[in-house]
């Protein structure tokens, strides 16, 4: 717990008022850091990655988020190893966003921990809430996916492009639609098909390498 009552309430998932959070816990430093990242030339990859390591907590081994992207606080996002995120992502991290290892995220994906009361009277009083989002290992979110507050997405999951994820998604499934629903489990047949395709690719590369050596 901090000495900032509103900030603690925010991270606890309780109603809070943003304007009452103390300056030391506000979102400006993270927004300025991401603004700096987004203004760098695309070929300054090492500098981009170094600055992104200041935003994204965790092991951060082989992590790259393709600019431009946006954050709210830029201090409540944890990512695992081998994380790639395509352009125009929004990490609305008024609560924790925790992402596992080997996760891939498509373009224009929204991870939104912030929410507002359904009742208009409470909503216009400036009270809001936030709930954490978690994404398990080896999961892929397609382009234009939106994940809403409090959602847990399991490991080895594929979320189809354009889905709006409003409820938890279990391990090892494909989920699609608005709201997202489980379409089917990922099966041994899926694995066999893609392993065959990968083996064909490796064979083709080896053939090319041998041809180059013979030249």
C-alpha atoms as a PDB file:
ATOM      1  CA  UNK A   1       0.000   0.000   0.000  1.00  0.00           C
ATOM      2  CA  UNK A   2       1.107   3.546  -0.719  1.00  0.00           C
ATOM      3  CA  UNK A   3       0.086   6.773   0.972  1.00  0.00           C
ATOM      4  CA  UNK A   4      -2.046   7.579  -2.076  1.00  0.00           C
ATOM      5  CA  UNK A   5      -5.568   6.403  -1.237  1.00  0.00           C
ATOM      6  CA  UNK A   6      -7.040   6.969  -4.723  1.00  0.00           C
ATOM      7  CA  UNK A   7      -4.126   5.221  -6.460  1.00  0.00           C
ATOM      8  CA  UNK A   8      -4.445   2.229  -4.130  1.00  0.00           C
ATOM      9  CA  UNK A   9      -8.173   2.048  -4.835  1.00  0.00           C
ATOM     10  CA  UNK A  10      -7.469   2.106  -8.569  1.00  0.00           C
ATOM     11  CA  UNK A  11      -5.115  -0.880  -8.397  1.00  0.00           C
ATOM     12  CA  UNK A  12      -7.499  -2.701  -6.050  1.00  0.00           C
ATOM     13  CA  UNK A  13     -10.288  -2.529  -8.636  1.00  0.00           C
ATOM     14  CA  UNK A  14     -12.422  -0.170  -6.531  1.00  0.00           C
ATOM     15  CA  UNK A  15     -14.095   3.058  -7.591  1.00  0.00           C
ATOM     16  CA  UNK A  16     -11.742   6.026  -7.638  1.00  0.00           C
ATOM     17  CA  UNK A  17     -11.377   9.529  -9.103  1.00  0.00           C
ATOM     18  CA  UNK A  18      -8.387  10.040 -11.399  1.00  0.00           C
ATOM     19  CA  UNK A  19      -7.943  13.718 -10.587  1.00  0.00           C
ATOM     20  CA  UNK A  20      -7.451  12.877  -6.898  1.00  0.00           C
ATOM     21  CA  UNK A  21      -4.427  10.655  -7.531  1.00  0.00           C
ATOM     22  CA  UNK A  22      -1.251  12.292  -6.317  1.00  0.00           C
ATOM     23  CA  UNK A  23       1.083  13.765  -8.940  1.00  0.00           C
ATOM     24  CA  UNK A  24       3.822  11.240  -8.149  1.00  0.00           C
ATOM     25  CA  UNK A  25       1.531   8.422  -9.273  1.00  0.00           C
ATOM     26  CA  UNK A  26       0.006  10.084 -12.323  1.00  0.00           C
ATOM     27  CA  UNK A  27       0.358   9.002 -15.940  1.00  0.00           C
ATOM     28  CA  UNK A  28       2.412  11.851 -17.427  1.00  0.00           C
ATOM     29  CA  UNK A  29       5.952  10.293 -17.198  1.00  0.00           C
ATOM     30  CA  UNK A  30       4.823   7.144 -19.019  1.00  0.00           C
ATOM     31  CA  UNK A  31       2.995   9.107 -21.703  1.00  0.00           C
ATOM     32  CA  UNK A  32       6.045  11.305 -22.319  1.00  0.00           C
ATOM     33  CA  UNK A  33       8.320   8.264 -22.591  1.00  0.00           C
ATOM     34  CA  UNK A  34       6.045   6.586 -25.137  1.00  0.00           C
ATOM     35  CA  UNK A  35       5.733   9.861 -27.056  1.00  0.00           C
ATOM     36  CA  UNK A  36       9.537   9.896 -27.316  1.00  0.00           C
ATOM     37  CA  UNK A  37       9.531   6.294 -28.594  1.00  0.00           C
ATOM     38  CA  UNK A  38       6.885   7.063 -31.207  1.00  0.00           C
ATOM     39  CA  UNK A  39       8.875  10.023 -32.552  1.00  0.00           C
ATOM     40  CA  UNK A  40      12.062   8.025 -33.211  1.00  0.00           C
ATOM     41  CA  UNK A  41      12.936   7.040 -36.800  1.00  0.00           C
ATOM     42  CA  UNK A  42      11.953   3.461 -37.597  1.00  0.00           C
ATOM     43  CA  UNK A  43      15.569   2.374 -38.147  1.00  0.00           C
ATOM     44  CA  UNK A  44      16.634   3.379 -34.604  1.00  0.00           C
ATOM     45  CA  UNK A  45      15.654  -0.068 -33.371  1.00  0.00           C
ATOM     46  CA  UNK A  46      18.188  -0.396 -30.552  1.00  0.00           C
ATOM     47  CA  UNK A  47      17.169   2.969 -29.093  1.00  0.00           C
ATOM     48  CA  UNK A  48      13.478   2.089 -29.378  1.00  0.00           C
ATOM     49  CA  UNK A  49      14.016  -1.227 -27.578  1.00  0.00           C
ATOM     50  CA  UNK A  50      16.057   0.405 -24.814  1.00  0.00           C
ATOM     51  CA  UNK A  51      13.292   2.919 -24.133  1.00  0.00           C
ATOM     52  CA  UNK A  52      10.590   0.230 -24.330  1.00  0.00           C
ATOM     53  CA  UNK A  53      12.416  -1.651 -21.576  1.00  0.00           C
ATOM     54  CA  UNK A  54      11.642   1.304 -19.332  1.00  0.00           C
ATOM     55  CA  UNK A  55       7.926   0.905 -20.041  1.00  0.00           C
ATOM     56  CA  UNK A  56       7.422  -2.853 -19.997  1.00  0.00           C
ATOM     57  CA  UNK A  57       8.273  -4.672 -16.779  1.00  0.00           C
ATOM     58  CA  UNK A  58       9.314  -8.332 -16.602  1.00  0.00           C
ATOM     59  CA  UNK A  59      12.182 -10.354 -18.069  1.00  0.00           C
ATOM     60  CA  UNK A  60      12.026  -8.439 -21.367  1.00  0.00           C
ATOM     61  CA  UNK A  61      14.253 -10.863 -23.319  1.00  0.00           C
ATOM     62  CA  UNK A  62      13.577 -10.431 -27.046  1.00  0.00           C
ATOM     63  CA  UNK A  63      10.736  -7.941 -26.613  1.00  0.00           C
ATOM     64  CA  UNK A  64       9.651  -5.489 -29.293  1.00  0.00           C
ATOM     65  CA  UNK A  65       6.550  -3.322 -29.643  1.00  0.00           C
ATOM     66  CA  UNK A  66       6.268  -1.779 -33.075  1.00  0.00           C
ATOM     67  CA  UNK A  67       5.694   1.981 -32.757  1.00  0.00           C
ATOM     68  CA  UNK A  68       3.443   3.825 -32.692  1.00  0.00           C
ATOM     69  CA  UNK A  69       1.611   2.631 -29.604  1.00  0.00           C
ATOM     70  CA  UNK A  70      -0.085   4.256 -26.637  1.00  0.00           C
ATOM     71  CA  UNK A  71      -0.232   3.676 -22.887  1.00  0.00           C
ATOM     72  CA  UNK A  72      -2.128   5.247 -20.033  1.00  0.00           C
ATOM     73  CA  UNK A  73       0.348   5.020 -17.145  1.00  0.00           C
ATOM     74  CA  UNK A  74       3.131   3.024 -18.775  1.00  0.00           C
ATOM     75  CA  UNK A  75       4.075   1.539 -15.399  1.00  0.00           C
ATOM     76  CA  UNK A  76       1.619  -1.347 -14.951  1.00  0.00           C
ATOM     77  CA  UNK A  77       2.558  -3.576 -17.931  1.00  0.00           C
ATOM     78  CA  UNK A  78       4.513  -6.801 -17.469  1.00  0.00           C
ATOM     79  CA  UNK A  79       5.642  -8.932 -20.428  1.00  0.00           C
ATOM     80  CA  UNK A  80       7.480 -12.230 -20.717  1.00  0.00           C
ATOM     81  CA  UNK A  81      10.206 -13.356 -23.107  1.00  0.00           C
ATOM     82  CA  UNK A  82       9.787 -13.314 -26.888  1.00  0.00           C
ATOM     83  CA  UNK A  83       6.997 -10.749 -26.997  1.00  0.00           C
ATOM     84  CA  UNK A  84       6.061  -9.019 -30.250  1.00  0.00           C
ATOM     85  CA  UNK A  85       3.295  -6.469 -30.711  1.00  0.00           C
ATOM     86  CA  UNK A  86       2.408  -4.884 -34.035  1.00  0.00           C
ATOM     87  CA  UNK A  87       1.553  -1.205 -34.640  1.00  0.00           C
ATOM     88  CA  UNK A  88      -1.086   1.025 -33.050  1.00  0.00           C
ATOM     89  CA  UNK A  89      -1.644  -0.981 -29.873  1.00  0.00           C
ATOM     90  CA  UNK A  90      -3.302   0.687 -26.892  1.00  0.00           C
ATOM     91  CA  UNK A  91      -2.284  -0.500 -23.420  1.00  0.00           C
ATOM     92  CA  UNK A  92      -4.765   1.252 -21.130  1.00  0.00           C
ATOM     93  CA  UNK A  93      -2.925   0.261 -17.962  1.00  0.00           C
ATOM     94  CA  UNK A  94      -4.829   1.905 -15.132  1.00  0.00           C
ATOM     95  CA  UNK A  95      -4.464  -1.571 -13.639  1.00  0.00           C
ATOM     96  CA  UNK A  96      -1.949  -4.336 -14.334  1.00  0.00           C
ATOM     97  CA  UNK A  97      -1.639  -5.902 -17.767  1.00  0.00           C
ATOM     98  CA  UNK A  98       0.344  -9.127 -17.369  1.00  0.00           C
ATOM     99  CA  UNK A  99       1.476 -10.933 -20.528  1.00  0.00           C
ATOM    100  CA  UNK A 100       3.256 -14.310 -20.580  1.00  0.00           C
ATOM    101  CA  UNK A 101       6.058 -15.742 -22.707  1.00  0.00           C
ATOM    102  CA  UNK A 102       5.981 -16.133 -26.500  1.00  0.00           C
ATOM    103  CA  UNK A 103       2.932 -13.903 -26.985  1.00  0.00           C
ATOM    104  CA  UNK A 104       2.191 -12.223 -30.317  1.00  0.00           C
ATOM    105  CA  UNK A 105      -0.240  -9.342 -30.740  1.00  0.00           C
ATOM    106  CA  UNK A 106      -1.542  -8.059 -34.066  1.00  0.00           C
ATOM    107  CA  UNK A 107      -2.051  -4.447 -35.165  1.00  0.00           C
ATOM    108  CA  UNK A 108      -4.559  -2.079 -33.555  1.00  0.00           C
ATOM    109  CA  UNK A 109      -5.148  -4.258 -30.495  1.00  0.00           C
ATOM    110  CA  UNK A 110      -6.672  -2.664 -27.388  1.00  0.00           C
ATOM    111  CA  UNK A 111      -5.937  -3.962 -23.888  1.00  0.00           C
ATOM    112  CA  UNK A 112      -8.293  -1.896 -21.740  1.00  0.00           C
ATOM    113  CA  UNK A 113      -8.203  -2.223 -17.964  1.00  0.00           C
ATOM    114  CA  UNK A 114     -10.266   0.944 -17.400  1.00  0.00           C
ATOM    115  CA  UNK A 115     -14.043   0.912 -17.001  1.00  0.00           C
ATOM    116  CA  UNK A 116     -16.911   3.224 -16.075  1.00  0.00           C
ATOM    117  CA  UNK A 117     -20.097   2.549 -14.057  1.00  0.00           C
ATOM    118  CA  UNK A 118     -23.207   1.622 -16.033  1.00  0.00           C
ATOM    119  CA  UNK A 119     -25.335   3.949 -13.922  1.00  0.00           C
ATOM    120  CA  UNK A 120     -25.169   7.425 -15.477  1.00  0.00           C
ATOM    121  CA  UNK A 121     -25.488   9.265 -12.166  1.00  0.00           C
ATOM    122  CA  UNK A 122     -22.425   7.556 -10.697  1.00  0.00           C
ATOM    123  CA  UNK A 123     -20.544   7.749 -13.985  1.00  0.00           C
ATOM    124  CA  UNK A 124     -20.877  11.516 -14.395  1.00  0.00           C
ATOM    125  CA  UNK A 125     -19.621  12.015 -10.834  1.00  0.00           C
ATOM    126  CA  UNK A 126     -16.167  11.079 -12.274  1.00  0.00           C
ATOM    127  CA  UNK A 127     -15.977   7.758 -10.437  1.00  0.00           C
ATOM    128  CA  UNK A 128     -14.402   4.975 -12.491  1.00  0.00           C
ATOM    129  CA  UNK A 129     -12.765   1.596 -11.938  1.00  0.00           C
ATOM    130  CA  UNK A 130     -10.070  -0.645 -13.390  1.00  0.00           C
ATOM    131  CA  UNK A 131      -9.536  -4.402 -13.432  1.00  0.00           C
ATOM    132  CA  UNK A 132      -6.352  -6.294 -14.408  1.00  0.00           C
ATOM    133  CA  UNK A 133      -5.890  -8.207 -17.662  1.00  0.00           C
ATOM    134  CA  UNK A 134      -3.766 -11.359 -17.961  1.00  0.00           C
ATOM    135  CA  UNK A 135      -2.655 -13.181 -21.113  1.00  0.00           C
ATOM    136  CA  UNK A 136      -1.013 -16.605 -20.837  1.00  0.00           C
ATOM    137  CA  UNK A 137       2.002 -18.100 -22.600  1.00  0.00           C
ATOM    138  CA  UNK A 138       2.130 -18.866 -26.332  1.00  0.00           C
ATOM    139  CA  UNK A 139      -1.016 -16.897 -27.125  1.00  0.00           C
ATOM    140  CA  UNK A 140      -1.773 -14.890 -30.268  1.00  0.00           C
ATOM    141  CA  UNK A 141      -4.205 -11.972 -30.492  1.00  0.00           C
ATOM    142  CA  UNK A 142      -5.210 -11.122 -34.063  1.00  0.00           C
ATOM    143  CA  UNK A 143      -5.588  -7.624 -35.447  1.00  0.00           C
ATOM    144  CA  UNK A 144      -8.192  -5.273 -33.982  1.00  0.00           C
ATOM    145  CA  UNK A 145      -8.839  -7.449 -30.915  1.00  0.00           C
ATOM    146  CA  UNK A 146     -10.160  -5.620 -27.853  1.00  0.00           C
ATOM    147  CA  UNK A 147      -9.756  -7.098 -24.360  1.00  0.00           C
ATOM    148  CA  UNK A 148     -11.969  -5.576 -21.657  1.00  0.00           C
ATOM    149  CA  UNK A 149     -11.267  -5.028 -17.938  1.00  0.00           C
ATOM    150  CA  UNK A 150     -10.805  -8.058 -15.699  1.00  0.00           C
ATOM    151  CA  UNK A 151     -10.384 -10.628 -18.493  1.00  0.00           C
ATOM    152  CA  UNK A 152      -8.000 -13.581 -18.189  1.00  0.00           C
ATOM    153  CA  UNK A 153      -6.915 -15.218 -21.457  1.00  0.00           C
ATOM    154  CA  UNK A 154      -5.274 -18.610 -21.089  1.00  0.00           C
ATOM    155  CA  UNK A 155      -2.142 -20.129 -22.634  1.00  0.00           C
ATOM    156  CA  UNK A 156      -1.886 -21.557 -26.161  1.00  0.00           C
ATOM    157  CA  UNK A 157      -4.888 -19.507 -27.290  1.00  0.00           C
ATOM    158  CA  UNK A 158      -5.731 -17.847 -30.610  1.00  0.00           C
ATOM    159  CA  UNK A 159      -8.093 -14.851 -30.513  1.00  0.00           C
ATOM    160  CA  UNK A 160      -9.465 -14.173 -33.993  1.00  0.00           C
ATOM    161  CA  UNK A 161      -9.178 -10.754 -35.611  1.00  0.00           C
ATOM    162  CA  UNK A 162     -11.772  -8.203 -34.525  1.00  0.00           C
ATOM    163  CA  UNK A 163     -12.914 -10.119 -31.438  1.00  0.00           C
ATOM    164  CA  UNK A 164     -14.087  -8.269 -28.337  1.00  0.00           C
ATOM    165  CA  UNK A 165     -13.095 -10.352 -25.318  1.00  0.00           C
ATOM    166  CA  UNK A 166     -15.498  -9.686 -22.463  1.00  0.00           C
ATOM    167  CA  UNK A 167     -15.071 -12.901 -20.444  1.00  0.00           C
ATOM    168  CA  UNK A 168     -12.255 -15.294 -19.509  1.00  0.00           C
ATOM    169  CA  UNK A 169     -10.931 -17.619 -22.233  1.00  0.00           C
ATOM    170  CA  UNK A 170      -9.552 -21.059 -21.227  1.00  0.00           C
ATOM    171  CA  UNK A 171      -6.293 -22.645 -22.378  1.00  0.00           C
ATOM    172  CA  UNK A 172      -5.837 -24.223 -25.795  1.00  0.00           C
ATOM    173  CA  UNK A 173      -8.758 -22.815 -27.777  1.00  0.00           C
ATOM    174  CA  UNK A 174      -9.629 -20.551 -30.702  1.00  0.00           C
ATOM    175  CA  UNK A 175     -12.045 -17.764 -29.744  1.00  0.00           C
ATOM    176  CA  UNK A 176     -13.744 -15.374 -32.169  1.00  0.00           C
ATOM    177  CA  UNK A 177     -16.558 -12.847 -32.429  1.00  0.00           C
ATOM    178  CA  UNK A 178     -18.222 -10.013 -30.563  1.00  0.00           C
ATOM    179  CA  UNK A 179     -18.473 -10.838 -27.768  1.00  0.00           C
ATOM    180  CA  UNK A 180     -15.727 -13.440 -28.126  1.00  0.00           C
ATOM    181  CA  UNK A 181     -16.786 -17.056 -27.735  1.00  0.00           C
ATOM    182  CA  UNK A 182     -14.832 -20.295 -27.923  1.00  0.00           C
ATOM    183  CA  UNK A 183     -15.053 -21.602 -31.486  1.00  0.00           C
ATOM    184  CA  UNK A 184     -13.216 -24.848 -30.859  1.00  0.00           C
ATOM    185  CA  UNK A 185     -10.261 -26.467 -29.133  1.00  0.00           C
ATOM    186  CA  UNK A 186      -6.850 -26.506 -30.758  1.00  0.00           C
ATOM    187  CA  UNK A 187      -6.306 -30.180 -31.599  1.00  0.00           C
ATOM    188  CA  UNK A 188      -3.528 -32.657 -32.358  1.00  0.00           C
ATOM    189  CA  UNK A 189      -4.581 -32.388 -36.025  1.00  0.00           C
ATOM    190  CA  UNK A 190      -3.822 -28.657 -35.912  1.00  0.00           C
ATOM    191  CA  UNK A 191      -0.416 -29.337 -34.434  1.00  0.00           C
ATOM    192  CA  UNK A 192       0.352 -32.086 -36.985  1.00  0.00           C
ATOM    193  CA  UNK A 193      -0.617 -29.831 -39.903  1.00  0.00           C
ATOM    194  CA  UNK A 194       1.511 -26.890 -38.791  1.00  0.00           C
ATOM    195  CA  UNK A 195       4.451 -29.075 -37.794  1.00  0.00           C
ATOM    196  CA  UNK A 196       4.341 -30.557 -41.319  1.00  0.00           C
ATOM    197  CA  UNK A 197       4.323 -27.057 -42.829  1.00  0.00           C
ATOM    198  CA  UNK A 198       7.240 -26.023 -40.612  1.00  0.00           C
ATOM    199  CA  UNK A 199       9.221 -29.150 -41.568  1.00  0.00           C
ATOM    200  CA  UNK A 200       8.683 -28.350 -45.259  1.00  0.00           C
ATOM    201  CA  UNK A 201       9.990 -24.828 -44.649  1.00  0.00           C
ATOM    202  CA  UNK A 202      13.094 -26.105 -42.833  1.00  0.00           C
ATOM    203  CA  UNK A 203      13.753 -28.600 -45.641  1.00  0.00           C
ATOM    204  CA  UNK A 204      13.470 -25.850 -48.246  1.00  0.00           C
ATOM    205  CA  UNK A 205      15.884 -23.609 -46.340  1.00  0.00           C
ATOM    206  CA  UNK A 206      18.406 -26.418 -45.956  1.00  0.00           C
ATOM    207  CA  UNK A 207      18.195 -27.079 -49.692  1.00  0.00           C
ATOM    208  CA  UNK A 208      18.850 -23.410 -50.446  1.00  0.00           C
ATOM    209  CA  UNK A 209      21.815 -23.352 -48.047  1.00  0.00           C
ATOM    210  CA  UNK A 210      23.367 -26.399 -49.700  1.00  0.00           C
ATOM    211  CA  UNK A 211      22.911 -24.856 -53.155  1.00  0.00           C
ATOM    212  CA  UNK A 212      24.667 -21.675 -52.025  1.00  0.00           C
ATOM    213  CA  UNK A 213      27.582 -23.693 -50.618  1.00  0.00           C
ATOM    214  CA  UNK A 214      27.949 -25.561 -53.913  1.00  0.00           C
ATOM    215  CA  UNK A 215      28.158 -22.371 -55.961  1.00  0.00           C
END
